[in-house]
């Protein structure tokens, strides 16, 4: 049997994520899949994406408010605004009160 490719593994995980039905289920899966530090890193990136999308703070202000490195803030901003994947944008647009 040939081991699955990285793309196949990612596709399988993405399909599994679609089966989650609640924030509690998502937290439980995150706790099973990730270390506490990995969960914090992912959660910080999401928080930074929301702050960047709001547009009220500079990168330095976000760093001061969150403690997240400016390197991470720049990376999140690049993925939010320039990269083709659009994952942040999809979820940000689906948040309650978002202007689609």
PDB file of N, CA and C in Angstrom:
ATOM      1  N   UNK A   1       0.847  -1.178   0.000  1.00  0.00           N
ATOM      2  CA  UNK A   1       0.000   0.000   0.000  1.00  0.00           C
ATOM      3  C   UNK A   1       0.895   1.246   0.000  1.00  0.00           C
ATOM      4  N   UNK A   2       0.591   2.173  -0.853  1.00  0.00           N
ATOM      5  CA  UNK A   2       1.343   3.418  -0.944  1.00  0.00           C
ATOM      6  C   UNK A   2       0.847   4.396   0.114  1.00  0.00           C
ATOM      7  N   UNK A   3       1.770   5.026   0.846  1.00  0.00           N
ATOM      8  CA  UNK A   3       1.325   6.008   1.840  1.00  0.00           C
ATOM      9  C   UNK A   3       0.609   7.177   1.152  1.00  0.00           C
ATOM     10  N   UNK A   4      -0.384   7.750   1.821  1.00  0.00           N
ATOM     11  CA  UNK A   4      -1.103   8.881   1.207  1.00  0.00           C
ATOM     12  C   UNK A   4      -0.181  10.089   1.061  1.00  0.00           C
ATOM     13  N   UNK A   5      -0.470  10.897   0.062  1.00  0.00           N
ATOM     14  CA  UNK A   5       0.285  12.129  -0.152  1.00  0.00           C
ATOM     15  C   UNK A   5      -0.152  13.177   0.870  1.00  0.00           C
ATOM     16  N   UNK A   6       0.625  14.220   0.977  1.00  0.00           N
ATOM     17  CA  UNK A   6       0.250  15.325   1.872  1.00  0.00           C
ATOM     18  C   UNK A   6      -1.090  15.905   1.469  1.00  0.00           C
ATOM     19  N   UNK A   7      -1.329  16.047   0.177  1.00  0.00           N
ATOM     20  CA  UNK A   7      -2.608  16.589  -0.304  1.00  0.00           C
ATOM     21  C   UNK A   7      -3.765  15.670   0.073  1.00  0.00           C
ATOM     22  N   UNK A   8      -3.563  14.370  -0.055  1.00  0.00           N
ATOM     23  CA  UNK A   8      -4.626  13.428   0.313  1.00  0.00           C
ATOM     24  C   UNK A   8      -4.906  13.479   1.815  1.00  0.00           C
ATOM     25  N   UNK A   9      -3.854  13.573   2.604  1.00  0.00           N
ATOM     26  CA  UNK A   9      -4.043  13.686   4.051  1.00  0.00           C
ATOM     27  C   UNK A   9      -4.786  14.973   4.410  1.00  0.00           C
ATOM     28  N   UNK A  10      -4.419  16.078   3.767  1.00  0.00           N
ATOM     29  CA  UNK A  10      -5.093  17.353   4.024  1.00  0.00           C
ATOM     30  C   UNK A  10      -6.549  17.287   3.600  1.00  0.00           C
ATOM     31  N   UNK A  11      -6.825  16.656   2.463  1.00  0.00           N
ATOM     32  CA  UNK A  11      -8.210  16.507   2.002  1.00  0.00           C
ATOM     33  C   UNK A  11      -9.033  15.686   2.988  1.00  0.00           C
ATOM     34  N   UNK A  12      -8.440  14.626   3.522  1.00  0.00           N
ATOM     35  CA  UNK A  12      -9.136  13.783   4.484  1.00  0.00           C
ATOM     36  C   UNK A  12      -9.447  14.559   5.763  1.00  0.00           C
ATOM     37  N   UNK A  13      -8.472  15.338   6.232  1.00  0.00           N
ATOM     38  CA  UNK A  13      -8.692  16.161   7.421  1.00  0.00           C
ATOM     39  C   UNK A  13      -9.761  17.219   7.160  1.00  0.00           C
ATOM     40  N   UNK A  14      -9.702  17.862   5.999  1.00  0.00           N
ATOM     41  CA  UNK A  14     -10.697  18.889   5.665  1.00  0.00           C
ATOM     42  C   UNK A  14     -12.103  18.292   5.653  1.00  0.00           C
ATOM     43  N   UNK A  15     -12.245  17.102   5.096  1.00  0.00           N
ATOM     44  CA  UNK A  15     -13.555  16.443   5.073  1.00  0.00           C
ATOM     45  C   UNK A  15     -14.020  16.128   6.496  1.00  0.00           C
ATOM     46  N   UNK A  16     -13.094  15.711   7.352  1.00  0.00           N
ATOM     47  CA  UNK A  16     -13.456  15.420   8.741  1.00  0.00           C
ATOM     48  C   UNK A  16     -13.896  16.684   9.466  1.00  0.00           C
ATOM     49  N   UNK A  17     -13.214  17.811   9.208  1.00  0.00           N
ATOM     50  CA  UNK A  17     -13.582  19.071   9.854  1.00  0.00           C
ATOM     51  C   UNK A  17     -15.010  19.482   9.521  1.00  0.00           C
ATOM     52  N   UNK A  18     -15.458  19.159   8.328  1.00  0.00           N
ATOM     53  CA  UNK A  18     -16.825  19.495   7.928  1.00  0.00           C
ATOM     54  C   UNK A  18     -17.884  18.728   8.715  1.00  0.00           C
ATOM     55  N   UNK A  19     -17.475  17.660   9.385  1.00  0.00           N
ATOM     56  CA  UNK A  19     -18.417  16.855  10.168  1.00  0.00           C
ATOM     57  C   UNK A  19     -18.646  17.400  11.569  1.00  0.00           C
ATOM     58  N   UNK A  20     -17.828  18.360  12.002  1.00  0.00           N
ATOM     59  CA  UNK A  20     -17.993  18.942  13.334  1.00  0.00           C
ATOM     60  C   UNK A  20     -19.308  19.702  13.412  1.00  0.00           C
ATOM     61  N   UNK A  21     -19.986  19.565  14.550  1.00  0.00           N
ATOM     62  CA  UNK A  21     -21.312  20.167  14.689  1.00  0.00           C
ATOM     63  C   UNK A  21     -21.396  21.271  15.725  1.00  0.00           C
ATOM     64  N   UNK A  22     -20.331  21.488  16.486  1.00  0.00           N
ATOM     65  CA  UNK A  22     -20.409  22.507  17.537  1.00  0.00           C
ATOM     66  C   UNK A  22     -19.010  22.981  17.901  1.00  0.00           C
ATOM     67  N   UNK A  23     -18.937  24.139  18.545  1.00  0.00           N
ATOM     68  CA  UNK A  23     -17.640  24.591  19.052  1.00  0.00           C
ATOM     69  C   UNK A  23     -17.030  23.597  20.037  1.00  0.00           C
ATOM     70  N   UNK A  24     -17.858  22.944  20.845  1.00  0.00           N
ATOM     71  CA  UNK A  24     -17.336  21.947  21.790  1.00  0.00           C
ATOM     72  C   UNK A  24     -16.664  20.792  21.051  1.00  0.00           C
ATOM     73  N   UNK A  25     -17.296  20.328  19.979  1.00  0.00           N
ATOM     74  CA  UNK A  25     -16.687  19.262  19.180  1.00  0.00           C
ATOM     75  C   UNK A  25     -15.388  19.736  18.542  1.00  0.00           C
ATOM     76  N   UNK A  26     -15.368  20.969  18.055  1.00  0.00           N
ATOM     77  CA  UNK A  26     -14.151  21.513  17.435  1.00  0.00           C
ATOM     78  C   UNK A  26     -13.030  21.616  18.469  1.00  0.00           C
ATOM     79  N   UNK A  27     -13.350  22.098  19.676  1.00  0.00           N
ATOM     80  CA  UNK A  27     -12.337  22.186  20.738  1.00  0.00           C
ATOM     81  C   UNK A  27     -11.803  20.805  21.100  1.00  0.00           C
ATOM     82  N   UNK A  28     -12.687  19.817  21.174  1.00  0.00           N
ATOM     83  CA  UNK A  28     -12.263  18.456  21.512  1.00  0.00           C
ATOM     84  C   UNK A  28     -11.319  17.911  20.442  1.00  0.00           C
ATOM     85  N   UNK A  29     -11.648  18.133  19.185  1.00  0.00           N
ATOM     86  CA  UNK A  29     -10.779  17.659  18.109  1.00  0.00           C
ATOM     87  C   UNK A  29      -9.439  18.379  18.143  1.00  0.00           C
ATOM     88  N   UNK A  30      -9.468  19.692  18.353  1.00  0.00           N
ATOM     89  CA  UNK A  30      -8.207  20.432  18.460  1.00  0.00           C
ATOM     90  C   UNK A  30      -7.346  19.892  19.591  1.00  0.00           C
ATOM     91  N   UNK A  31      -7.968  19.590  20.720  1.00  0.00           N
ATOM     92  CA  UNK A  31      -7.223  19.062  21.863  1.00  0.00           C
ATOM     93  C   UNK A  31      -6.612  17.699  21.551  1.00  0.00           C
ATOM     94  N   UNK A  32      -7.298  16.895  20.742  1.00  0.00           N
ATOM     95  CA  UNK A  32      -6.771  15.590  20.346  1.00  0.00           C
ATOM     96  C   UNK A  32      -5.656  15.708  19.308  1.00  0.00           C
ATOM     97  N   UNK A  33      -5.805  16.646  18.394  1.00  0.00           N
ATOM     98  CA  UNK A  33      -4.862  16.772  17.276  1.00  0.00           C
ATOM     99  C   UNK A  33      -3.618  17.589  17.583  1.00  0.00           C
ATOM    100  N   UNK A  34      -3.749  18.595  18.424  1.00  0.00           N
ATOM    101  CA  UNK A  34      -2.697  19.591  18.589  1.00  0.00           C
ATOM    102  C   UNK A  34      -2.215  19.667  20.031  1.00  0.00           C
ATOM    103  N   UNK A  35      -1.000  20.137  20.180  1.00  0.00           N
ATOM    104  CA  UNK A  35      -0.502  20.446  21.521  1.00  0.00           C
ATOM    105  C   UNK A  35      -1.156  21.759  21.969  1.00  0.00           C
ATOM    106  N   UNK A  36      -1.152  22.034  23.258  1.00  0.00           N
ATOM    107  CA  UNK A  36      -1.684  23.330  23.705  1.00  0.00           C
ATOM    108  C   UNK A  36      -0.992  24.513  23.021  1.00  0.00           C
ATOM    109  N   UNK A  37       0.301  24.421  22.792  1.00  0.00           N
ATOM    110  CA  UNK A  37       1.016  25.510  22.118  1.00  0.00           C
ATOM    111  C   UNK A  37       0.552  25.671  20.669  1.00  0.00           C
ATOM    112  N   UNK A  38       0.293  24.558  19.992  1.00  0.00           N
ATOM    113  CA  UNK A  38      -0.200  24.634  18.606  1.00  0.00           C
ATOM    114  C   UNK A  38      -1.589  25.253  18.554  1.00  0.00           C
ATOM    115  N   UNK A  39      -2.444  24.876  19.494  1.00  0.00           N
ATOM    116  CA  UNK A  39      -3.791  25.460  19.548  1.00  0.00           C
ATOM    117  C   UNK A  39      -3.690  26.964  19.783  1.00  0.00           C
ATOM    118  N   UNK A  40      -2.835  27.368  20.704  1.00  0.00           N
ATOM    119  CA  UNK A  40      -2.665  28.800  20.983  1.00  0.00           C
ATOM    120  C   UNK A  40      -2.184  29.538  19.732  1.00  0.00           C
ATOM    121  N   UNK A  41      -1.232  28.965  19.021  1.00  0.00           N
ATOM    122  CA  UNK A  41      -0.706  29.594  17.810  1.00  0.00           C
ATOM    123  C   UNK A  41      -1.791  29.751  16.751  1.00  0.00           C
ATOM    124  N   UNK A  42      -2.555  28.709  16.535  1.00  0.00           N
ATOM    125  CA  UNK A  42      -3.648  28.771  15.562  1.00  0.00           C
ATOM    126  C   UNK A  42      -4.690  29.801  15.991  1.00  0.00           C
ATOM    127  N   UNK A  43      -5.052  29.784  17.271  1.00  0.00           N
ATOM    128  CA  UNK A  43      -6.045  30.723  17.791  1.00  0.00           C
ATOM    129  C   UNK A  43      -5.550  32.159  17.685  1.00  0.00           C
ATOM    130  N   UNK A  44      -4.255  32.382  17.950  1.00  0.00           N
ATOM    131  CA  UNK A  44      -3.691  33.728  17.816  1.00  0.00           C
ATOM    132  C   UNK A  44      -3.756  34.205  16.371  1.00  0.00           C
ATOM    133  N   UNK A  45      -3.458  33.329  15.433  1.00  0.00           N
ATOM    134  CA  UNK A  45      -3.526  33.716  14.016  1.00  0.00           C
ATOM    135  C   UNK A  45      -4.949  34.112  13.629  1.00  0.00           C
ATOM    136  N   UNK A  46      -5.914  33.365  14.114  1.00  0.00           N
ATOM    137  CA  UNK A  46      -7.308  33.692  13.821  1.00  0.00           C
ATOM    138  C   UNK A  46      -7.677  35.047  14.441  1.00  0.00           C
ATOM    139  N   UNK A  47      -7.239  35.276  15.672  1.00  0.00           N
ATOM    140  CA  UNK A  47      -7.498  36.549  16.350  1.00  0.00           C
ATOM    141  C   UNK A  47      -6.865  37.709  15.563  1.00  0.00           C
ATOM    142  N   UNK A  48      -5.641  37.523  15.125  1.00  0.00           N
ATOM    143  CA  UNK A  48      -4.952  38.548  14.333  1.00  0.00           C
ATOM    144  C   UNK A  48      -5.707  38.796  13.023  1.00  0.00           C
ATOM    145  N   UNK A  49      -6.174  37.739  12.379  1.00  0.00           N
ATOM    146  CA  UNK A  49      -6.935  37.913  11.130  1.00  0.00           C
ATOM    147  C   UNK A  49      -8.178  38.761  11.369  1.00  0.00           C
ATOM    148  N   UNK A  50      -8.860  38.531  12.479  1.00  0.00           N
ATOM    149  CA  UNK A  50     -10.056  39.327  12.793  1.00  0.00           C
ATOM    150  C   UNK A  50      -9.700  40.782  13.063  1.00  0.00           C
ATOM    151  N   UNK A  51      -8.590  41.005  13.777  1.00  0.00           N
ATOM    152  CA  UNK A  51      -8.157  42.380  14.044  1.00  0.00           C
ATOM    153  C   UNK A  51      -7.742  43.086  12.759  1.00  0.00           C
ATOM    154  N   UNK A  52      -7.007  42.395  11.903  1.00  0.00           N
ATOM    155  CA  UNK A  52      -6.599  42.991  10.629  1.00  0.00           C
ATOM    156  C   UNK A  52      -7.809  43.306   9.762  1.00  0.00           C
ATOM    157  N   UNK A  53      -8.765  42.397   9.745  1.00  0.00           N
ATOM    158  CA  UNK A  53      -9.954  42.603   8.921  1.00  0.00           C
ATOM    159  C   UNK A  53     -10.764  43.807   9.400  1.00  0.00           C
ATOM    160  N   UNK A  54     -10.783  44.032  10.705  1.00  0.00           N
ATOM    161  CA  UNK A  54     -11.501  45.192  11.245  1.00  0.00           C
ATOM    162  C   UNK A  54     -10.856  46.488  10.786  1.00  0.00           C
ATOM    163  N   UNK A  55      -9.541  46.456  10.560  1.00  0.00           N
ATOM    164  CA  UNK A  55      -8.839  47.612   9.998  1.00  0.00           C
ATOM    165  C   UNK A  55      -8.610  48.770  10.936  1.00  0.00           C
ATOM    166  N   UNK A  56      -8.832  48.588  12.216  1.00  0.00           N
ATOM    167  CA  UNK A  56      -8.714  49.694  13.167  1.00  0.00           C
ATOM    168  C   UNK A  56      -7.314  49.860  13.754  1.00  0.00           C
ATOM    169  N   UNK A  57      -6.488  48.814  13.659  1.00  0.00           N
ATOM    170  CA  UNK A  57      -5.189  48.827  14.328  1.00  0.00           C
ATOM    171  C   UNK A  57      -4.042  48.622  13.337  1.00  0.00           C
ATOM    172  N   UNK A  58      -2.912  49.222  13.635  1.00  0.00           N
ATOM    173  CA  UNK A  58      -1.707  48.980  12.852  1.00  0.00           C
ATOM    174  C   UNK A  58      -1.094  47.654  13.309  1.00  0.00           C
ATOM    175  N   UNK A  59      -0.120  47.173  12.552  1.00  0.00           N
ATOM    176  CA  UNK A  59       0.572  45.943  12.941  1.00  0.00           C
ATOM    177  C   UNK A  59       1.197  46.098  14.315  1.00  0.00           C
ATOM    178  N   UNK A  60       1.827  47.237  14.573  1.00  0.00           N
ATOM    179  CA  UNK A  60       2.468  47.459  15.876  1.00  0.00           C
ATOM    180  C   UNK A  60       1.437  47.495  17.009  1.00  0.00           C
ATOM    181  N   UNK A  61       0.274  48.079  16.747  1.00  0.00           N
ATOM    182  CA  UNK A  61      -0.776  48.109  17.768  1.00  0.00           C
ATOM    183  C   UNK A  61      -1.309  46.705  18.037  1.00  0.00           C
ATOM    184  N   UNK A  62      -1.436  45.904  16.985  1.00  0.00           N
ATOM    185  CA  UNK A  62      -1.871  44.514  17.167  1.00  0.00           C
ATOM    186  C   UNK A  62      -0.831  43.755  17.989  1.00  0.00           C
ATOM    187  N   UNK A  63       0.437  43.956  17.663  1.00  0.00           N
ATOM    188  CA  UNK A  63       1.503  43.318  18.437  1.00  0.00           C
ATOM    189  C   UNK A  63       1.425  43.723  19.908  1.00  0.00           C
ATOM    190  N   UNK A  64       1.273  45.005  20.173  1.00  0.00           N
ATOM    191  CA  UNK A  64       1.207  45.495  21.554  1.00  0.00           C
ATOM    192  C   UNK A  64      -0.010  44.931  22.290  1.00  0.00           C
ATOM    193  N   UNK A  65      -1.129  44.804  21.590  1.00  0.00           N
ATOM    194  CA  UNK A  65      -2.366  44.330  22.214  1.00  0.00           C
ATOM    195  C   UNK A  65      -2.387  42.822  22.435  1.00  0.00           C
ATOM    196  N   UNK A  66      -1.678  42.078  21.576  1.00  0.00           N
ATOM    197  CA  UNK A  66      -1.784  40.622  21.618  1.00  0.00           C
ATOM    198  C   UNK A  66      -0.508  39.901  22.020  1.00  0.00           C
ATOM    199  N   UNK A  67       0.628  40.548  21.814  1.00  0.00           N
ATOM    200  CA  UNK A  67       1.899  39.883  22.052  1.00  0.00           C
ATOM    201  C   UNK A  67       2.337  38.996  20.900  1.00  0.00           C
ATOM    202  N   UNK A  68       1.524  38.902  19.863  1.00  0.00           N
ATOM    203  CA  UNK A  68       1.870  38.110  18.676  1.00  0.00           C
ATOM    204  C   UNK A  68       2.993  38.833  17.934  1.00  0.00           C
ATOM    205  N   UNK A  69       3.958  38.079  17.438  1.00  0.00           N
ATOM    206  CA  UNK A  69       5.100  38.687  16.766  1.00  0.00           C
ATOM    207  C   UNK A  69       4.657  39.426  15.500  1.00  0.00           C
ATOM    208  N   UNK A  70       5.388  40.473  15.181  1.00  0.00           N
ATOM    209  CA  UNK A  70       5.063  41.214  13.956  1.00  0.00           C
ATOM    210  C   UNK A  70       5.272  40.331  12.726  1.00  0.00           C
ATOM    211  N   UNK A  71       6.187  39.382  12.802  1.00  0.00           N
ATOM    212  CA  UNK A  71       6.383  38.441  11.689  1.00  0.00           C
ATOM    213  C   UNK A  71       5.102  37.646  11.438  1.00  0.00           C
ATOM    214  N   UNK A  72       4.479  37.160  12.508  1.00  0.00           N
ATOM    215  CA  UNK A  72       3.223  36.414  12.367  1.00  0.00           C
ATOM    216  C   UNK A  72       2.119  37.320  11.859  1.00  0.00           C
ATOM    217  N   UNK A  73       2.062  38.534  12.341  1.00  0.00           N
ATOM    218  CA  UNK A  73       1.029  39.481  11.893  1.00  0.00           C
ATOM    219  C   UNK A  73       1.173  39.740  10.398  1.00  0.00           C
ATOM    220  N   UNK A  74       2.390  39.947   9.934  1.00  0.00           N
ATOM    221  CA  UNK A  74       2.637  40.171   8.503  1.00  0.00           C
ATOM    222  C   UNK A  74       2.239  38.931   7.704  1.00  0.00           C
ATOM    223  N   UNK A  75       2.562  37.761   8.223  1.00  0.00           N
ATOM    224  CA  UNK A  75       2.209  36.513   7.520  1.00  0.00           C
ATOM    225  C   UNK A  75       0.694  36.367   7.403  1.00  0.00           C
ATOM    226  N   UNK A  76      -0.008  36.603   8.505  1.00  0.00           N
ATOM    227  CA  UNK A  76      -1.466  36.513   8.470  1.00  0.00           C
ATOM    228  C   UNK A  76      -2.029  37.543   7.486  1.00  0.00           C
ATOM    229  N   UNK A  77      -1.501  38.750   7.513  1.00  0.00           N
ATOM    230  CA  UNK A  77      -1.968  39.798   6.598  1.00  0.00           C
ATOM    231  C   UNK A  77      -1.764  39.379   5.152  1.00  0.00           C
ATOM    232  N   UNK A  78      -0.609  38.767   4.866  1.00  0.00           N
ATOM    233  CA  UNK A  78      -0.348  38.318   3.494  1.00  0.00           C
ATOM    234  C   UNK A  78      -1.365  37.267   3.069  1.00  0.00           C
ATOM    235  N   UNK A  79      -1.622  36.291   3.926  1.00  0.00           N
ATOM    236  CA  UNK A  79      -2.591  35.257   3.576  1.00  0.00           C
ATOM    237  C   UNK A  79      -4.006  35.821   3.496  1.00  0.00           C
ATOM    238  N   UNK A  80      -4.304  36.792   4.321  1.00  0.00           N
ATOM    239  CA  UNK A  80      -5.628  37.412   4.309  1.00  0.00           C
ATOM    240  C   UNK A  80      -5.864  38.213   3.035  1.00  0.00           C
ATOM    241  N   UNK A  81      -4.833  38.882   2.557  1.00  0.00           N
ATOM    242  CA  UNK A  81      -5.021  39.842   1.467  1.00  0.00           C
ATOM    243  C   UNK A  81      -4.465  39.423   0.117  1.00  0.00           C
ATOM    244  N   UNK A  82      -3.463  38.550   0.094  1.00  0.00           N
ATOM    245  CA  UNK A  82      -2.770  38.304  -1.159  1.00  0.00           C
ATOM    246  C   UNK A  82      -2.785  36.854  -1.640  1.00  0.00           C
ATOM    247  N   UNK A  83      -2.773  35.911  -0.747  1.00  0.00           N
ATOM    248  CA  UNK A  83      -2.653  34.512  -1.163  1.00  0.00           C
ATOM    249  C   UNK A  83      -3.967  34.007  -1.738  1.00  0.00           C
ATOM    250  N   UNK A  84      -3.856  33.023  -2.577  1.00  0.00           N
ATOM    251  CA  UNK A  84      -5.002  32.512  -3.323  1.00  0.00           C
ATOM    252  C   UNK A  84      -5.944  31.625  -2.512  1.00  0.00           C
ATOM    253  N   UNK A  85      -5.507  31.130  -1.376  1.00  0.00           N
ATOM    254  CA  UNK A  85      -6.302  30.137  -0.653  1.00  0.00           C
ATOM    255  C   UNK A  85      -7.636  30.696  -0.161  1.00  0.00           C
ATOM    256  N   UNK A  86      -7.622  31.865   0.442  1.00  0.00           N
ATOM    257  CA  UNK A  86      -8.857  32.522   0.848  1.00  0.00           C
ATOM    258  C   UNK A  86      -9.558  31.933   2.055  1.00  0.00           C
ATOM    259  N   UNK A  87      -8.882  31.109   2.821  1.00  0.00           N
ATOM    260  CA  UNK A  87      -9.528  30.486   3.980  1.00  0.00           C
ATOM    261  C   UNK A  87      -9.954  31.479   5.041  1.00  0.00           C
ATOM    262  N   UNK A  88      -9.071  32.416   5.368  1.00  0.00           N
ATOM    263  CA  UNK A  88      -9.448  33.445   6.339  1.00  0.00           C
ATOM    264  C   UNK A  88     -10.667  34.208   5.839  1.00  0.00           C
ATOM    265  N   UNK A  89     -10.638  34.629   4.587  1.00  0.00           N
ATOM    266  CA  UNK A  89     -11.707  35.461   4.028  1.00  0.00           C
ATOM    267  C   UNK A  89     -13.051  34.747   4.077  1.00  0.00           C
ATOM    268  N   UNK A  90     -13.069  33.467   3.737  1.00  0.00           N
ATOM    269  CA  UNK A  90     -14.326  32.709   3.760  1.00  0.00           C
ATOM    270  C   UNK A  90     -14.953  32.774   5.153  1.00  0.00           C
ATOM    271  N   UNK A  91     -14.153  32.487   6.170  1.00  0.00           N
ATOM    272  CA  UNK A  91     -14.710  32.480   7.522  1.00  0.00           C
ATOM    273  C   UNK A  91     -15.040  33.878   8.025  1.00  0.00           C
ATOM    274  N   UNK A  92     -14.189  34.846   7.719  1.00  0.00           N
ATOM    275  CA  UNK A  92     -14.482  36.215   8.148  1.00  0.00           C
ATOM    276  C   UNK A  92     -15.795  36.709   7.543  1.00  0.00           C
ATOM    277  N   UNK A  93     -16.047  36.344   6.304  1.00  0.00           N
ATOM    278  CA  UNK A  93     -17.290  36.756   5.653  1.00  0.00           C
ATOM    279  C   UNK A  93     -18.508  36.047   6.223  1.00  0.00           C
ATOM    280  N   UNK A  94     -18.301  34.933   6.873  1.00  0.00           N
ATOM    281  CA  UNK A  94     -19.428  34.167   7.439  1.00  0.00           C
ATOM    282  C   UNK A  94     -19.715  34.528   8.898  1.00  0.00           C
ATOM    283  N   UNK A  95     -18.880  35.345   9.490  1.00  0.00           N
ATOM    284  CA  UNK A  95     -19.122  35.734  10.877  1.00  0.00           C
ATOM    285  C   UNK A  95     -20.393  36.582  10.971  1.00  0.00           C
ATOM    286  N   UNK A  96     -21.145  36.436  12.061  1.00  0.00           N
ATOM    287  CA  UNK A  96     -22.332  37.284  12.237  1.00  0.00           C
ATOM    288  C   UNK A  96     -21.952  38.763  12.124  1.00  0.00           C
ATOM    289  N   UNK A  97     -22.710  39.503  11.369  1.00  0.00           N
ATOM    290  CA  UNK A  97     -22.473  40.927  11.210  1.00  0.00           C
ATOM    291  C   UNK A  97     -21.468  41.266  10.132  1.00  0.00           C
ATOM    292  N   UNK A  98     -20.896  40.269   9.475  1.00  0.00           N
ATOM    293  CA  UNK A  98     -19.912  40.522   8.411  1.00  0.00           C
ATOM    294  C   UNK A  98     -20.614  41.075   7.179  1.00  0.00           C
ATOM    295  N   UNK A  99     -19.950  42.011   6.539  1.00  0.00           N
ATOM    296  CA  UNK A  99     -20.465  42.545   5.271  1.00  0.00           C
ATOM    297  C   UNK A  99     -19.956  41.665   4.152  1.00  0.00           C
ATOM    298  N   UNK A 100     -20.782  40.786   3.646  1.00  0.00           N
ATOM    299  CA  UNK A 100     -20.357  39.832   2.619  1.00  0.00           C
ATOM    300  C   UNK A 100     -20.028  40.498   1.367  1.00  0.00           C
TER     301      UNK A 100
END
